[in-house]
Amino acid sequence: MGKSTNLHDRIWELIDKRGSDDCWHWMGHVDGSTGLGRIMVNWVRYYPHRVVWEEVHGEIPAGRKLVRTCDAPDCCNPKHMALYPTWLERFWANVDRNGPNGCWEWIGRQDRGNGYGVFSLNKLLRYAHRLSYEIANGEIPMVDGKTMFICHHCDNRKCVNPDHLFLGTHTDNMKDCISKGRHGFKIGRGEMNGYVKLTDVQVEEIRRATNMSQRALSRMYGVTQSHIWRIRHNVCRDKGSSYVSRTNGVRAISCA
């Protein structure tokens, strides 16, 4: 009597089915490089573990991988197999959700340099908070050829709750960074800032001295002409602004 050409019959003839929780070893041909069982039926190649899985659980979705939870590469017991999670499932498995309104902290890998969460997608490392924003809102737009920043309302770099995230330019990000004191040094407002060179009274004197040139004022107060221009035009020291001018020898440290 010849062998059956029915796929189901051929496969089950070659499976050493033991206890329901034991490994069911494949007794047919095994691929030498992978250790996986293979079988040809009507000139079509099949993998027995995939056929058994689909008979029990239904068709394997396109692009999904089937992995074993045991150590036997020739095992065909569907209890010892599982679908490899999608990237979305892997992503959210790394998130500790603290209620709908709380911070959803990233518990996976973090960037050692800035503390933001990172996630591997298609062999590229992506920032977790940026991916979360894209999942909820779609692709991050570009302005002047540059991708926009994703900023945090909550000021928690580990948070990936899309309700806590908002779009911003580099300028928005820097202002948000400085206003929340995340610029690398504590900063006061106006003359309370230890880095500034002029007092608030001197700043007002410069603004009132409209009959004097920038050169004369710069010599009088010991600052550069460009700094005098910025004061006169309210670019810095505007109503006690906390911004530090680079003419004072100090530059604010930008946020990540």
Protein backbone atom coordinates (compact mmCIF):
# COMPACT_ATOMS: atom_id res chain seq x y z
CA MET A 1 0.00 0.00 0.00
CA GLY A 2 1.47 3.36 -1.03
CA LYS A 3 1.88 6.38 1.18
CA SER A 4 -1.07 8.75 1.57
CA THR A 5 -0.89 11.96 -0.44
CA ASN A 6 -3.10 13.73 2.12
CA LEU A 7 -1.06 16.38 3.98
CA HIS A 8 -2.77 15.78 7.32
CA ASP A 9 -2.32 12.02 7.22
CA ARG A 10 1.31 12.18 6.07
CA ILE A 11 2.30 14.56 8.85
CA TRP A 12 0.55 12.74 11.69
CA GLU A 13 2.09 9.44 10.54
CA LEU A 14 5.53 10.95 11.20
CA ILE A 15 4.88 12.62 14.57
CA ASP A 16 5.82 10.76 17.74
CA LYS A 17 2.86 11.99 19.78
CA ARG A 18 3.38 11.33 23.49
CA GLY A 19 1.69 12.97 26.46
CA SER A 20 -0.36 16.11 25.84
CA ASP A 21 2.28 18.25 27.59
CA ASP A 22 5.37 16.46 26.25
CA CYS A 23 7.35 17.26 23.11
CA TRP A 24 5.92 15.63 19.98
CA HIS A 25 9.05 14.82 17.99
CA TRP A 26 9.14 14.79 14.20
CA MET A 27 10.41 11.51 12.81
CA GLY A 28 10.65 12.54 9.15
CA HIS A 29 13.20 14.60 7.26
CA VAL A 30 14.97 17.31 9.25
CA ASP A 31 16.72 20.34 7.75
CA GLY A 32 20.41 20.01 8.61
CA SER A 33 21.00 23.74 9.06
CA THR A 34 17.94 24.69 11.11
CA GLY A 35 16.90 21.40 12.72
CA LEU A 36 13.32 22.00 11.57
CA GLY A 37 11.18 19.16 10.21
CA ARG A 38 10.21 19.28 6.55
CA ILE A 39 7.96 17.25 4.29
CA MET A 40 7.09 17.23 0.57
CA VAL A 41 3.50 16.48 -0.41
CA ASN A 42 2.44 16.74 -4.06
CA TRP A 43 5.70 18.56 -4.80
CA VAL A 44 5.03 21.25 -2.22
CA ARG A 45 7.27 21.73 0.83
CA TYR A 46 5.64 22.08 4.24
CA TYR A 47 6.88 22.56 7.79
CA PRO A 48 4.98 20.12 10.03
CA HIS A 49 5.00 22.33 13.14
CA ARG A 50 3.29 25.14 11.19
CA VAL A 51 0.70 22.74 9.74
CA VAL A 52 -0.13 21.37 13.19
CA TRP A 53 -0.40 24.88 14.65
CA GLU A 54 -2.80 26.00 11.89
CA GLU A 55 -4.97 22.91 12.34
CA VAL A 56 -5.42 23.82 16.03
CA HIS A 57 -5.39 27.66 15.98
CA GLY A 58 -6.13 28.66 12.42
CA GLU A 59 -4.02 30.32 9.72
CA ILE A 60 -0.85 32.07 10.81
CA PRO A 61 -1.20 35.82 10.03
CA ALA A 62 1.02 37.15 7.26
CA GLY A 63 4.38 38.29 8.51
CA ARG A 64 4.04 36.62 11.92
CA LYS A 65 6.65 34.14 13.13
CA LEU A 66 5.96 30.93 15.01
CA VAL A 67 8.40 30.23 17.85
CA ARG A 68 8.82 27.30 20.23
CA THR A 69 8.68 27.59 23.99
CA CYS A 70 10.60 24.32 24.43
CA ASP A 71 14.19 23.46 23.49
CA ALA A 72 13.38 20.83 20.83
CA PRO A 73 13.64 22.25 17.28
CA ASP A 74 11.74 19.24 15.90
CA CYS A 75 8.81 19.52 18.36
CA CYS A 76 5.32 19.71 16.82
CA ASN A 77 3.22 20.01 19.98
CA PRO A 78 1.08 23.17 19.52
CA LYS A 79 1.24 23.74 23.30
CA HIS A 80 4.97 24.30 22.89
CA MET A 81 4.55 27.00 20.22
CA ALA A 82 3.48 30.63 20.19
CA LEU A 83 3.20 33.45 17.71
CA TYR A 84 6.10 35.88 18.02
CA PRO A 85 4.64 39.19 19.26
CA THR A 86 4.19 42.08 16.85
CA TRP A 87 6.33 45.16 17.35
CA LEU A 88 3.32 46.91 18.89
CA GLU A 89 2.89 44.11 21.41
CA ARG A 90 6.60 44.26 22.22
CA PHE A 91 6.43 48.04 22.55
CA TRP A 92 3.53 48.15 25.01
CA ALA A 93 5.01 45.27 27.02
CA ASN A 94 7.76 47.76 27.97
CA VAL A 95 5.29 50.35 29.30
CA ASP A 96 4.05 50.63 32.90
CA ARG A 97 0.66 52.29 32.48
CA ASN A 98 -0.34 54.30 35.53
CA GLY A 99 -4.01 54.92 34.80
CA PRO A 100 -5.38 56.83 31.79
CA ASN A 101 -4.15 60.23 33.01
CA GLY A 102 -0.91 59.28 34.76
CA CYS A 103 2.57 58.93 33.33
CA TRP A 104 3.11 55.74 31.34
CA GLU A 105 6.74 55.08 32.18
CA TRP A 106 9.05 53.22 29.83
CA ILE A 107 10.61 50.23 31.62
CA GLY A 108 12.64 48.97 28.68
CA ARG A 109 16.02 50.04 27.38
CA GLN A 110 17.07 53.65 27.92
CA ASP A 111 19.53 55.96 26.21
CA ARG A 112 22.45 56.29 28.63
CA GLY A 113 23.18 59.78 27.43
CA ASN A 114 19.82 61.47 27.99
CA GLY A 115 17.55 59.02 29.83
CA TYR A 116 14.90 58.74 27.10
CA GLY A 117 13.47 55.28 26.39
CA VAL A 118 14.61 53.59 23.19
CA PHE A 119 13.03 50.77 21.18
CA SER A 120 14.43 48.63 18.35
CA LEU A 121 12.21 48.69 15.27
CA ASN A 122 13.34 47.27 11.93
CA LYS A 123 16.91 47.10 13.27
CA LEU A 124 16.89 50.83 14.11
CA LEU A 125 16.77 52.37 17.59
CA ARG A 126 13.87 54.80 17.98
CA TYR A 127 12.92 57.02 20.89
CA ALA A 128 9.98 55.43 22.70
CA HIS A 129 8.10 58.70 23.30
CA ARG A 130 8.31 59.60 19.61
CA LEU A 131 6.99 56.17 18.59
CA SER A 132 4.13 56.50 21.08
CA TYR A 133 3.18 59.85 19.55
CA GLU A 134 3.24 58.32 16.05
CA ILE A 135 1.11 55.36 17.16
CA ALA A 136 -1.55 57.75 18.46
CA ASN A 137 -1.33 60.59 15.94
CA GLY A 138 0.43 59.39 12.82
CA GLU A 139 3.73 60.49 11.31
CA ILE A 140 5.55 63.38 12.98
CA PRO A 141 5.43 66.39 10.60
CA MET A 142 8.42 68.34 9.33
CA VAL A 143 9.01 72.10 9.41
CA ASP A 144 11.62 73.71 7.15
CA GLY A 145 12.93 70.28 6.23
CA LYS A 146 13.43 69.22 9.87
CA THR A 147 11.34 66.75 11.85
CA MET A 148 9.55 68.41 14.75
CA PHE A 149 10.36 67.67 18.40
CA ILE A 150 8.07 65.72 20.71
CA CYS A 151 7.94 67.49 24.08
CA HIS A 152 6.53 66.41 27.46
CA HIS A 153 3.84 68.31 29.35
CA CYS A 154 4.70 66.20 32.39
CA ASP A 155 8.49 66.79 32.19
CA ASN A 156 9.06 63.03 32.62
CA ARG A 157 11.46 61.70 29.99
CA LYS A 158 10.39 58.11 30.65
CA CYS A 159 6.72 58.91 29.99
CA VAL A 160 5.18 57.67 26.72
CA ASN A 161 1.54 58.56 27.44
CA PRO A 162 0.47 60.23 24.17
CA ASP A 163 -1.77 62.62 26.14
CA HIS A 164 1.36 63.98 27.84
CA LEU A 165 3.18 64.66 24.56
CA PHE A 166 2.99 67.61 22.20
CA LEU A 167 4.61 68.79 18.98
CA GLY A 168 7.18 71.55 19.13
CA THR A 169 9.99 73.19 17.19
CA HIS A 170 13.56 73.37 18.46
CA THR A 171 12.76 76.83 19.85
CA ASP A 172 9.66 75.49 21.64
CA ASN A 173 11.71 72.68 23.08
CA MET A 174 14.40 75.05 24.35
CA LYS A 175 11.87 77.41 25.95
CA ASP A 176 10.12 74.48 27.59
CA CYS A 177 13.50 73.15 28.71
CA ILE A 178 14.57 76.45 30.29
CA SER A 179 11.19 77.18 31.90
CA LYS A 180 11.35 73.81 33.67
CA GLY A 181 14.95 74.18 34.76
CA ARG A 182 16.29 71.30 32.62
CA HIS A 183 19.08 73.28 30.96
CA GLY A 184 22.04 72.07 33.02
CA PHE A 185 22.24 74.82 35.66
CA LYS A 186 19.90 76.65 38.00
CA ILE A 187 18.98 80.03 36.67
CA GLY A 188 17.39 83.06 38.24
CA ARG A 189 15.52 85.88 36.62
CA GLY A 190 17.22 89.18 35.78
CA GLU A 191 19.98 90.13 38.20
CA MET A 192 19.04 87.10 40.35
CA ASN A 193 20.87 85.06 37.73
CA GLY A 194 24.46 84.66 38.89
CA TYR A 195 25.72 84.57 35.30
CA VAL A 196 24.52 88.00 34.19
CA LYS A 197 26.87 90.98 34.17
CA LEU A 198 24.40 93.85 34.44
CA THR A 199 21.93 94.71 37.18
CA ASP A 200 18.28 95.39 36.41
CA VAL A 201 18.89 99.11 37.10
CA GLN A 202 21.73 99.18 34.56
CA VAL A 203 19.54 97.46 31.98
CA GLU A 204 16.87 100.15 32.40
CA GLU A 205 19.55 102.86 32.14
CA ILE A 206 20.71 101.41 28.82
CA ARG A 207 17.15 101.37 27.47
CA ARG A 208 16.57 105.00 28.49
CA ALA A 209 19.90 106.20 27.01
CA THR A 210 18.49 106.56 23.50
CA ASN A 211 20.82 109.49 22.74
CA MET A 212 23.96 107.36 23.24
CA SER A 213 25.52 105.03 20.70
CA GLN A 214 25.86 101.30 21.22
CA ARG A 215 29.65 101.68 21.14
CA ALA A 216 29.62 104.26 23.95
CA LEU A 217 27.26 102.18 26.08
CA SER A 218 29.29 99.00 25.56
CA ARG A 219 32.43 100.79 26.80
CA MET A 220 30.57 102.30 29.75
CA TYR A 221 29.08 99.06 30.97
CA GLY A 222 31.79 96.64 29.86
CA VAL A 223 29.69 94.51 27.52
CA THR A 224 29.66 94.01 23.75
CA GLN A 225 27.76 96.21 21.32
CA SER A 226 25.64 93.24 20.24
CA HIS A 227 24.58 92.74 23.86
CA ILE A 228 23.52 96.41 24.07
CA TRP A 229 21.47 95.89 20.90
CA ARG A 230 19.74 92.82 22.37
CA ILE A 231 18.85 94.69 25.55
CA ARG A 232 17.46 97.65 23.62
CA HIS A 233 15.36 95.36 21.42
CA ASN A 234 14.14 93.15 24.31
CA VAL A 235 15.84 90.06 22.92
CA CYS A 236 17.28 89.42 26.38
CA ARG A 237 16.57 90.77 29.87
CA ASP A 238 12.98 91.38 28.84
CA LYS A 239 11.10 92.08 32.10
CA GLY A 240 13.60 90.14 34.13
CA SER A 241 14.03 87.35 31.61
CA SER A 242 16.04 84.36 32.81
CA TYR A 243 17.87 83.92 29.49
CA VAL A 244 21.66 84.18 29.65
CA SER A 245 23.39 85.91 26.75
CA ARG A 246 26.39 84.23 25.19
CA THR A 247 28.14 87.63 25.35
CA ASN A 248 28.44 87.05 29.07
CA GLY A 249 30.54 84.01 28.37
CA VAL A 250 27.80 81.49 29.17
CA ARG A 251 25.47 79.60 26.88
CA ALA A 252 22.36 77.74 27.98
CA ILE A 253 22.69 73.98 27.59
CA SER A 254 20.07 72.60 25.21
CA CYS A 255 17.69 69.81 26.13
CA ALA A 256 17.85 66.36 24.57
